[in-house]
Amino acid sequence: CNFDQELCGFVGTPLYAHKAIFETYPRKKWSAKKEYDFSGLALTLCVLLEGKATWDVDGFPSSFPKDSNKKKELQQKFQQKMQARQAAAEAIISNHSSCKW
């Protein structure tokens, strides 16, 4: 991974992408970071341990509504999904190992 390269838009697989990548989507520039890779690796490990993803990230929009209330509602829904994903991953890791999240 080239940590000096600026990226725009979404890069990665939604099930495994770091929350910060979603937060910059679709138009803000961002740079790759090691923690993004470690986060994706941890989420991948969770899927390997469980045999499937136990969280849902589907329906992430390609653009946000111009209406500020609808945009805020969509952002809140996304934050709930990210919190649920993290809680699911933490539970899997704690159930399968002595690792701490």
Foldseek 3Di string as FASTA:
>chain_A
DDQVDKDAAADDDQQQFDPVRLVRPHGHIDGDDVVRVVSSVLSVVLCVQVVHQPADDPPSDNDADPPPVRRVVSVVVNVVRVVVSVVSSQVSDVVPDVDHD
